[in-house]
Structures are given as C-alpha cells and as structure tokens.
C-alpha cells in the first residue's frame, strides 16, 4: 500500500479560494463606496447646519444675516473662501485639499433672509438651508427635502 501525505493545497482548492475572495470583493467594494458617499453627504449637511447656527448668532448681534456672495458657482472665488473661512474668519468649514462640496450663502435682503448652499463638485447634487431652518436639495435627480 502506497502512503501519500498531502502537503499543501491542490490547484483546484487555491482557485476556489481565489474565486471566493473575488466574489466577496465584488460585493464589499461597492458597499464601502456607498458608505463613503453617505458620509460625505452627511458632512456637507452638518456644515450647512453649522452655517445656520452661525447665521442665527450673527443675526442676533447685527440685526441682519451674513452673506458673502450672490453668485453661487464652483468657480466663484467666494465659494472657495467660504469653504475655508466665513463670518470674518471666526467660523470655518473643514478645510480639505480637494473638497467634495463647495458652499455659498445668498441673500436678496440680508435684513430678512438668506439661503446657504452646498454644491457637490463635479455633480448636480446640492443641499440648502435657509433662515427658517428649512432644508431642501436634490440628490441624483431626486428631491431631498427632509435631510
């Protein structure tokens, strides 16, 4: 009788393991990317809430709302400055080398209203908040009014 000792794995066993790892990766990577995207959206929405709180504070001190621009565009100099320093440098939004959102504040009459926006860079998604803490927005072409 011939005695055979198995040392190691067969080629078929290794191929099965590699295939299983590939299948699990194909499932996990999109889910991970979805979590990252959701975290970025939540971060932008929280920044808008902070802008709202800063606006309330600014209004109580100055009897008008703070506004920096009437032009909310990705190429606006003020949009990039709001990302790093607003309200005379007293308040800031987290500074990133390549931000996912840019922020701006608009107002037709600073004595009664303002609207702050977060626009997604290279995308059509946006979110906003106003003086009455009303939320609105659009995500992937769908309304996002109750974020």
N, C-alpha and C. Protein backbone atom coordinates (compact mmCIF):
# COMPACT_ATOMS: atom_id res chain seq x y z
N UNK A 1 0.83 -1.17 0.00
CA UNK A 1 0.00 0.00 0.00
C UNK A 1 0.89 1.25 0.00
N UNK A 2 0.51 2.18 -0.86
CA UNK A 2 1.31 3.39 -1.01
C UNK A 2 0.74 4.46 -0.07
N UNK A 3 1.59 5.00 0.73
CA UNK A 3 1.18 6.05 1.65
C UNK A 3 1.49 7.41 1.03
N UNK A 4 0.49 8.26 0.99
CA UNK A 4 0.64 9.57 0.37
C UNK A 4 0.29 10.64 1.39
N UNK A 5 1.22 11.53 1.61
CA UNK A 5 0.98 12.61 2.56
C UNK A 5 0.71 13.89 1.78
N UNK A 6 -0.42 14.51 2.10
CA UNK A 6 -0.75 15.79 1.45
C UNK A 6 -0.03 16.91 2.17
N UNK A 7 0.80 17.59 1.41
CA UNK A 7 1.47 18.77 1.95
C UNK A 7 1.05 19.95 1.11
N UNK A 8 0.17 20.78 1.64
CA UNK A 8 -0.27 21.96 0.91
C UNK A 8 -1.63 21.76 0.26
N UNK A 9 -1.98 22.73 -0.60
CA UNK A 9 -3.27 22.74 -1.26
C UNK A 9 -3.12 22.33 -2.71
N UNK A 10 -4.20 21.79 -3.24
CA UNK A 10 -4.19 21.48 -4.68
C UNK A 10 -4.51 22.74 -5.46
N UNK A 11 -4.27 22.72 -6.73
CA UNK A 11 -4.54 23.86 -7.60
C UNK A 11 -6.02 24.20 -7.60
N UNK A 12 -6.88 23.21 -7.58
CA UNK A 12 -8.32 23.44 -7.57
C UNK A 12 -8.74 24.15 -6.28
N UNK A 13 -8.20 23.73 -5.15
CA UNK A 13 -8.53 24.37 -3.88
C UNK A 13 -8.09 25.84 -3.88
N UNK A 14 -6.92 26.13 -4.41
CA UNK A 14 -6.45 27.50 -4.48
C UNK A 14 -7.32 28.35 -5.40
N UNK A 15 -7.74 27.79 -6.52
CA UNK A 15 -8.60 28.52 -7.44
C UNK A 15 -9.96 28.82 -6.80
N UNK A 16 -10.48 27.89 -6.02
CA UNK A 16 -11.75 28.11 -5.34
C UNK A 16 -11.61 29.24 -4.32
N UNK A 17 -10.52 29.26 -3.57
CA UNK A 17 -10.29 30.33 -2.59
C UNK A 17 -10.17 31.67 -3.28
N UNK A 18 -9.42 31.74 -4.38
CA UNK A 18 -9.27 32.99 -5.11
C UNK A 18 -10.62 33.45 -5.66
N UNK A 19 -11.42 32.53 -6.17
CA UNK A 19 -12.74 32.89 -6.68
C UNK A 19 -13.64 33.43 -5.57
N UNK A 20 -13.61 32.82 -4.41
CA UNK A 20 -14.41 33.30 -3.27
C UNK A 20 -13.97 34.69 -2.84
N UNK A 21 -12.67 34.93 -2.79
CA UNK A 21 -12.18 36.25 -2.42
C UNK A 21 -12.63 37.28 -3.46
N UNK A 22 -12.60 36.92 -4.73
CA UNK A 22 -13.06 37.82 -5.79
C UNK A 22 -14.54 38.14 -5.65
N UNK A 23 -15.35 37.16 -5.35
CA UNK A 23 -16.80 37.37 -5.19
C UNK A 23 -17.07 38.28 -3.99
N UNK A 24 -16.40 38.02 -2.87
CA UNK A 24 -16.60 38.85 -1.69
C UNK A 24 -16.13 40.29 -1.94
N UNK A 25 -15.05 40.46 -2.67
CA UNK A 25 -14.57 41.81 -3.00
C UNK A 25 -15.57 42.54 -3.89
N UNK A 26 -16.15 41.83 -4.85
CA UNK A 26 -17.12 42.44 -5.76
C UNK A 26 -18.36 42.92 -5.00
N UNK A 27 -18.67 42.28 -3.91
CA UNK A 27 -19.81 42.69 -3.08
C UNK A 27 -19.41 43.80 -2.12
N UNK A 28 -18.25 43.72 -1.52
CA UNK A 28 -17.84 44.65 -0.46
C UNK A 28 -17.43 46.02 -0.97
N UNK A 29 -16.74 46.10 -2.09
CA UNK A 29 -16.22 47.40 -2.57
C UNK A 29 -17.36 48.38 -2.89
N UNK A 30 -18.40 48.00 -3.63
CA UNK A 30 -19.49 48.96 -3.86
C UNK A 30 -20.20 49.38 -2.56
N UNK A 31 -20.35 48.45 -1.64
CA UNK A 31 -20.99 48.80 -0.37
C UNK A 31 -20.13 49.81 0.39
N UNK A 32 -18.82 49.61 0.39
CA UNK A 32 -17.90 50.53 1.05
C UNK A 32 -17.97 51.91 0.41
N UNK A 33 -17.99 51.96 -0.92
CA UNK A 33 -18.09 53.24 -1.62
C UNK A 33 -19.40 53.96 -1.28
N UNK A 34 -20.47 53.20 -1.12
CA UNK A 34 -21.75 53.80 -0.73
C UNK A 34 -21.67 54.42 0.66
N UNK A 35 -20.99 53.75 1.58
CA UNK A 35 -20.83 54.31 2.92
C UNK A 35 -20.00 55.59 2.89
N UNK A 36 -18.96 55.61 2.09
CA UNK A 36 -18.11 56.80 1.97
C UNK A 36 -18.93 57.96 1.40
N UNK A 37 -19.72 57.71 0.37
CA UNK A 37 -20.55 58.74 -0.24
C UNK A 37 -21.56 59.29 0.77
N UNK A 38 -22.19 58.43 1.53
CA UNK A 38 -23.15 58.85 2.54
C UNK A 38 -22.47 59.70 3.61
N UNK A 39 -21.27 59.35 4.00
CA UNK A 39 -20.53 60.12 5.00
C UNK A 39 -20.21 61.52 4.47
N UNK A 40 -19.86 61.63 3.20
CA UNK A 40 -19.56 62.94 2.62
C UNK A 40 -20.81 63.82 2.56
N UNK A 41 -21.93 63.22 2.21
CA UNK A 41 -23.20 63.97 2.17
C UNK A 41 -23.58 64.44 3.57
N UNK A 42 -23.46 63.56 4.56
CA UNK A 42 -23.79 63.93 5.94
C UNK A 42 -22.87 65.04 6.43
N UNK A 43 -21.61 65.01 6.03
CA UNK A 43 -20.67 66.05 6.42
C UNK A 43 -21.08 67.40 5.84
N UNK A 44 -21.51 67.42 4.57
CA UNK A 44 -21.95 68.67 3.94
C UNK A 44 -23.22 69.19 4.62
N UNK A 45 -24.14 68.29 4.93
CA UNK A 45 -25.38 68.71 5.59
C UNK A 45 -25.09 69.25 6.99
N UNK A 46 -24.16 68.64 7.70
CA UNK A 46 -23.79 69.16 9.01
C UNK A 46 -23.13 70.52 8.91
N UNK A 47 -22.33 70.74 7.86
CA UNK A 47 -21.72 72.05 7.65
C UNK A 47 -22.81 73.10 7.41
N UNK A 48 -23.86 72.74 6.67
CA UNK A 48 -24.96 73.67 6.47
C UNK A 48 -25.68 73.97 7.79
N UNK A 49 -25.83 72.98 8.63
CA UNK A 49 -26.45 73.22 9.94
C UNK A 49 -25.59 74.17 10.77
N UNK A 50 -24.27 74.01 10.68
CA UNK A 50 -23.37 74.92 11.39
C UNK A 50 -23.46 76.34 10.83
N UNK A 51 -23.60 76.46 9.52
CA UNK A 51 -23.79 77.78 8.91
C UNK A 51 -25.08 78.39 9.42
N UNK A 52 -26.13 77.59 9.53
CA UNK A 52 -27.40 78.10 10.04
C UNK A 52 -27.24 78.62 11.47
N UNK A 53 -26.57 77.86 12.32
CA UNK A 53 -26.36 78.31 13.70
C UNK A 53 -25.51 79.58 13.74
N UNK A 54 -24.51 79.66 12.89
CA UNK A 54 -23.69 80.87 12.83
C UNK A 54 -24.51 82.06 12.33
N UNK A 55 -25.41 81.80 11.39
CA UNK A 55 -26.29 82.88 10.89
C UNK A 55 -27.21 83.39 11.99
N UNK A 56 -27.75 82.49 12.78
CA UNK A 56 -28.62 82.89 13.89
C UNK A 56 -27.83 83.77 14.86
N UNK A 57 -26.62 83.36 15.19
CA UNK A 57 -25.77 84.14 16.08
C UNK A 57 -25.42 85.49 15.47
N UNK A 58 -25.08 85.50 14.20
CA UNK A 58 -24.72 86.74 13.51
C UNK A 58 -25.90 87.70 13.48
N UNK A 59 -27.10 87.16 13.22
CA UNK A 59 -28.30 87.99 13.18
C UNK A 59 -28.59 88.62 14.54
N UNK A 60 -28.41 87.85 15.60
CA UNK A 60 -28.69 88.39 16.94
C UNK A 60 -27.73 89.51 17.30
N UNK A 61 -26.51 89.47 16.74
CA UNK A 61 -25.53 90.53 17.03
C UNK A 61 -25.66 91.73 16.11
N UNK A 62 -26.09 91.53 14.86
CA UNK A 62 -26.02 92.59 13.85
C UNK A 62 -27.36 92.99 13.23
N UNK A 63 -28.44 92.33 13.62
CA UNK A 63 -29.77 92.61 13.06
C UNK A 63 -29.83 92.43 11.54
N UNK A 64 -28.98 91.61 11.02
CA UNK A 64 -29.02 91.21 9.61
C UNK A 64 -28.27 89.90 9.46
N UNK A 65 -28.54 89.21 8.36
CA UNK A 65 -27.86 87.95 8.11
C UNK A 65 -26.57 88.19 7.35
N UNK A 66 -25.62 87.31 7.58
CA UNK A 66 -24.35 87.38 6.87
C UNK A 66 -24.54 86.79 5.49
N UNK A 67 -24.01 87.43 4.48
CA UNK A 67 -23.99 86.87 3.14
C UNK A 67 -22.68 87.27 2.49
N UNK A 68 -22.16 86.40 1.69
CA UNK A 68 -20.85 86.66 1.10
C UNK A 68 -20.92 86.84 -0.40
N UNK A 69 -21.94 86.34 -1.03
CA UNK A 69 -21.98 86.37 -2.48
C UNK A 69 -23.41 86.24 -2.98
N UNK A 70 -23.65 86.75 -4.16
CA UNK A 70 -24.92 86.48 -4.82
C UNK A 70 -24.71 85.51 -5.97
N UNK A 71 -23.47 85.06 -6.13
CA UNK A 71 -23.11 84.15 -7.21
C UNK A 71 -22.60 82.84 -6.62
N UNK A 72 -23.43 81.82 -6.64
CA UNK A 72 -23.02 80.52 -6.12
C UNK A 72 -22.55 79.65 -7.28
N UNK A 73 -21.30 79.67 -7.54
CA UNK A 73 -20.75 78.86 -8.62
C UNK A 73 -19.46 78.21 -8.20
N UNK A 74 -19.17 77.07 -8.79
CA UNK A 74 -17.97 76.33 -8.43
C UNK A 74 -16.72 77.18 -8.66
N UNK A 75 -16.75 78.04 -9.66
CA UNK A 75 -15.58 78.85 -9.99
C UNK A 75 -15.56 80.19 -9.25
N UNK A 76 -16.55 80.44 -8.42
CA UNK A 76 -16.62 81.68 -7.67
C UNK A 76 -15.50 81.71 -6.63
N UNK A 77 -14.78 82.82 -6.57
CA UNK A 77 -13.73 82.98 -5.55
C UNK A 77 -14.32 82.91 -4.16
N UNK A 78 -15.51 83.48 -3.99
CA UNK A 78 -16.13 83.48 -2.68
C UNK A 78 -16.58 82.09 -2.25
N UNK A 79 -16.98 81.25 -3.21
CA UNK A 79 -17.38 79.89 -2.86
C UNK A 79 -16.21 79.14 -2.24
N UNK A 80 -15.02 79.29 -2.80
CA UNK A 80 -13.87 78.59 -2.22
C UNK A 80 -13.47 79.21 -0.89
N UNK A 81 -13.65 80.54 -0.72
CA UNK A 81 -13.29 81.15 0.56
C UNK A 81 -14.26 80.75 1.66
N UNK A 82 -15.53 80.54 1.32
CA UNK A 82 -16.50 80.10 2.32
C UNK A 82 -16.15 78.70 2.81
N UNK A 83 -15.61 77.87 1.93
CA UNK A 83 -15.21 76.53 2.36
C UNK A 83 -14.16 76.59 3.47
N UNK A 84 -13.35 77.63 3.47
CA UNK A 84 -12.26 77.67 4.45
C UNK A 84 -12.47 78.68 5.56
N UNK A 85 -13.19 79.78 5.30
CA UNK A 85 -13.34 80.79 6.33
C UNK A 85 -14.56 81.67 6.04
N UNK A 86 -15.52 81.67 6.95
CA UNK A 86 -16.70 82.52 6.80
C UNK A 86 -16.87 83.37 8.05
N UNK A 87 -17.76 84.32 7.98
CA UNK A 87 -18.07 85.19 9.10
C UNK A 87 -16.81 85.90 9.60
N UNK A 88 -16.08 86.49 8.67
CA UNK A 88 -14.89 87.24 9.05
C UNK A 88 -13.78 86.38 9.63
N UNK A 89 -13.75 85.11 9.25
CA UNK A 89 -12.71 84.21 9.74
C UNK A 89 -13.00 83.60 11.09
N UNK A 90 -14.15 83.93 11.68
CA UNK A 90 -14.48 83.41 13.00
C UNK A 90 -14.96 81.96 12.91
N UNK A 91 -15.70 81.64 11.86
CA UNK A 91 -16.23 80.28 11.67
C UNK A 91 -15.56 79.65 10.46
N UNK A 92 -15.36 78.37 10.51
CA UNK A 92 -14.76 77.67 9.38
C UNK A 92 -15.50 76.38 9.09
N UNK A 93 -15.42 75.97 7.85
CA UNK A 93 -15.88 74.66 7.43
C UNK A 93 -14.62 73.85 7.20
N UNK A 94 -14.66 72.57 7.52
CA UNK A 94 -13.44 71.77 7.45
C UNK A 94 -12.73 71.97 6.12
N UNK A 95 -11.46 72.28 6.22
CA UNK A 95 -10.66 72.59 5.05
C UNK A 95 -10.09 71.29 4.47
N UNK A 96 -10.33 71.09 3.21
CA UNK A 96 -9.83 69.91 2.53
C UNK A 96 -9.04 70.35 1.31
N UNK A 97 -8.07 69.56 0.95
CA UNK A 97 -7.27 69.89 -0.22
C UNK A 97 -8.14 69.85 -1.48
N UNK A 98 -8.96 68.81 -1.58
CA UNK A 98 -9.90 68.68 -2.70
C UNK A 98 -11.29 68.45 -2.11
N UNK A 99 -12.02 69.52 -1.84
CA UNK A 99 -13.33 69.34 -1.19
C UNK A 99 -14.33 68.64 -2.11
N UNK A 100 -15.25 67.92 -1.51
CA UNK A 100 -16.31 67.24 -2.25
C UNK A 100 -17.49 68.18 -2.49
N UNK A 101 -17.64 69.17 -1.63
CA UNK A 101 -18.71 70.15 -1.75
C UNK A 101 -18.11 71.54 -1.64
N UNK A 102 -18.72 72.50 -2.30
CA UNK A 102 -18.39 73.89 -2.06
C UNK A 102 -19.65 74.59 -1.57
N UNK A 103 -19.46 75.59 -0.76
CA UNK A 103 -20.54 76.25 -0.05
C UNK A 103 -20.66 77.70 -0.47
N UNK A 104 -21.86 78.23 -0.42
CA UNK A 104 -22.06 79.65 -0.65
C UNK A 104 -23.33 80.09 0.07
N UNK A 105 -23.42 81.39 0.31
CA UNK A 105 -24.56 81.97 1.01
C UNK A 105 -25.11 83.09 0.14
N UNK A 106 -26.40 83.04 -0.14
CA UNK A 106 -27.06 84.05 -0.96
C UNK A 106 -28.12 84.78 -0.15
N UNK A 107 -28.38 86.03 -0.55
CA UNK A 107 -29.46 86.79 0.07
C UNK A 107 -29.85 87.96 -0.82
N UNK A 108 -31.16 88.14 -1.01
CA UNK A 108 -31.65 89.32 -1.71
C UNK A 108 -31.81 90.48 -0.74
N UNK A 109 -32.09 90.18 0.53
CA UNK A 109 -32.24 91.21 1.54
C UNK A 109 -31.72 90.64 2.87
N UNK A 110 -30.51 91.04 3.27
CA UNK A 110 -29.88 90.46 4.45
C UNK A 110 -30.64 90.77 5.73
N UNK A 111 -31.54 91.72 5.69
CA UNK A 111 -32.31 92.06 6.90
C UNK A 111 -33.37 91.02 7.21
N UNK A 112 -33.77 90.24 6.21
CA UNK A 112 -34.86 89.29 6.46
C UNK A 112 -34.59 87.86 6.04
N UNK A 113 -33.59 87.61 5.18
CA UNK A 113 -33.44 86.23 4.71
C UNK A 113 -32.03 85.95 4.21
N UNK A 114 -31.74 84.64 4.13
CA UNK A 114 -30.53 84.14 3.50
C UNK A 114 -30.81 82.69 3.08
N UNK A 115 -29.96 82.16 2.24
CA UNK A 115 -30.03 80.75 1.89
C UNK A 115 -28.59 80.28 1.67
N UNK A 116 -28.20 79.25 2.39
CA UNK A 116 -26.87 78.67 2.27
C UNK A 116 -26.96 77.39 1.45
N UNK A 117 -26.00 77.20 0.56
CA UNK A 117 -25.98 76.05 -0.34
C UNK A 117 -24.71 75.24 -0.19
N UNK A 118 -24.83 73.95 -0.42
CA UNK A 118 -23.69 73.05 -0.57
C UNK A 118 -23.86 72.36 -1.91
N UNK A 119 -22.94 72.63 -2.82
CA UNK A 119 -22.98 72.03 -4.15
C UNK A 119 -21.89 70.97 -4.26
N UNK A 120 -22.25 69.82 -4.78
CA UNK A 120 -21.29 68.74 -4.97
C UNK A 120 -20.39 69.07 -6.14
N UNK A 121 -19.10 68.95 -5.96
CA UNK A 121 -18.14 69.20 -7.02
C UNK A 121 -18.30 68.12 -8.09
N UNK A 122 -18.36 68.52 -9.34
CA UNK A 122 -18.47 67.61 -10.49
C UNK A 122 -19.73 66.75 -10.43
N UNK A 123 -20.81 67.31 -9.94
CA UNK A 123 -22.05 66.55 -9.83
C UNK A 123 -23.19 67.56 -9.76
N UNK A 124 -24.41 67.11 -9.91
CA UNK A 124 -25.56 68.00 -9.83
C UNK A 124 -26.24 67.98 -8.47
N UNK A 125 -25.70 67.23 -7.51
CA UNK A 125 -26.31 67.17 -6.18
C UNK A 125 -26.09 68.49 -5.45
N UNK A 126 -27.11 68.93 -4.72
CA UNK A 126 -26.99 70.14 -3.90
C UNK A 126 -27.93 70.04 -2.72
N UNK A 127 -27.61 70.81 -1.68
CA UNK A 127 -28.42 70.88 -0.48
C UNK A 127 -28.46 72.34 -0.04
N UNK A 128 -29.53 72.74 0.64
CA UNK A 128 -29.61 74.11 1.11
C UNK A 128 -30.34 74.18 2.44
N UNK A 129 -30.13 75.31 3.11
CA UNK A 129 -30.81 75.60 4.37
C UNK A 129 -31.08 77.10 4.38
N UNK A 130 -32.19 77.53 4.96
CA UNK A 130 -32.49 78.96 4.98
C UNK A 130 -32.67 79.46 6.42
N UNK A 131 -33.06 80.72 6.54
CA UNK A 131 -33.17 81.36 7.86
C UNK A 131 -34.20 80.70 8.75
N UNK A 132 -35.15 79.98 8.18
CA UNK A 132 -36.18 79.29 8.96
C UNK A 132 -35.84 77.83 9.21
N UNK A 133 -34.59 77.46 8.93
CA UNK A 133 -34.10 76.09 9.10
C UNK A 133 -34.84 75.11 8.18
N UNK A 134 -35.30 75.60 7.03
CA UNK A 134 -35.91 74.73 6.02
C UNK A 134 -34.80 74.09 5.19
N UNK A 135 -34.93 72.80 5.01
CA UNK A 135 -33.94 72.04 4.25
C UNK A 135 -34.50 71.69 2.88
N UNK A 136 -33.67 71.77 1.88
CA UNK A 136 -34.07 71.29 0.56
C UNK A 136 -32.82 70.81 -0.16
N UNK A 137 -33.04 70.20 -1.29
CA UNK A 137 -31.90 69.73 -2.06
C UNK A 137 -32.31 68.78 -3.15
N UNK A 138 -31.30 68.30 -3.84
CA UNK A 138 -31.51 67.33 -4.90
C UNK A 138 -30.33 66.37 -4.92
N UNK A 139 -30.65 65.09 -4.92
CA UNK A 139 -29.63 64.06 -4.92
C UNK A 139 -29.94 63.08 -6.04
N UNK A 140 -29.03 62.96 -6.97
CA UNK A 140 -29.18 62.07 -8.13
C UNK A 140 -30.49 62.32 -8.86
N UNK A 141 -30.87 63.59 -8.98
CA UNK A 141 -32.07 63.97 -9.70
C UNK A 141 -33.35 63.87 -8.91
N UNK A 142 -33.27 63.43 -7.64
CA UNK A 142 -34.46 63.29 -6.80
C UNK A 142 -34.43 64.33 -5.69
N UNK A 143 -35.61 64.84 -5.35
CA UNK A 143 -35.71 65.84 -4.29
C UNK A 143 -35.25 65.24 -2.96
N UNK A 144 -34.52 66.04 -2.20
CA UNK A 144 -34.06 65.65 -0.88
C UNK A 144 -34.44 66.75 0.09
N UNK A 145 -35.75 66.87 0.37
CA UNK A 145 -36.24 67.98 1.16
C UNK A 145 -36.19 67.77 2.65
N UNK A 146 -36.11 66.55 3.10
CA UNK A 146 -36.14 66.28 4.54
C UNK A 146 -34.85 65.64 5.01
N UNK A 147 -33.75 66.25 4.67
CA UNK A 147 -32.48 65.68 5.13
C UNK A 147 -32.24 66.16 6.53
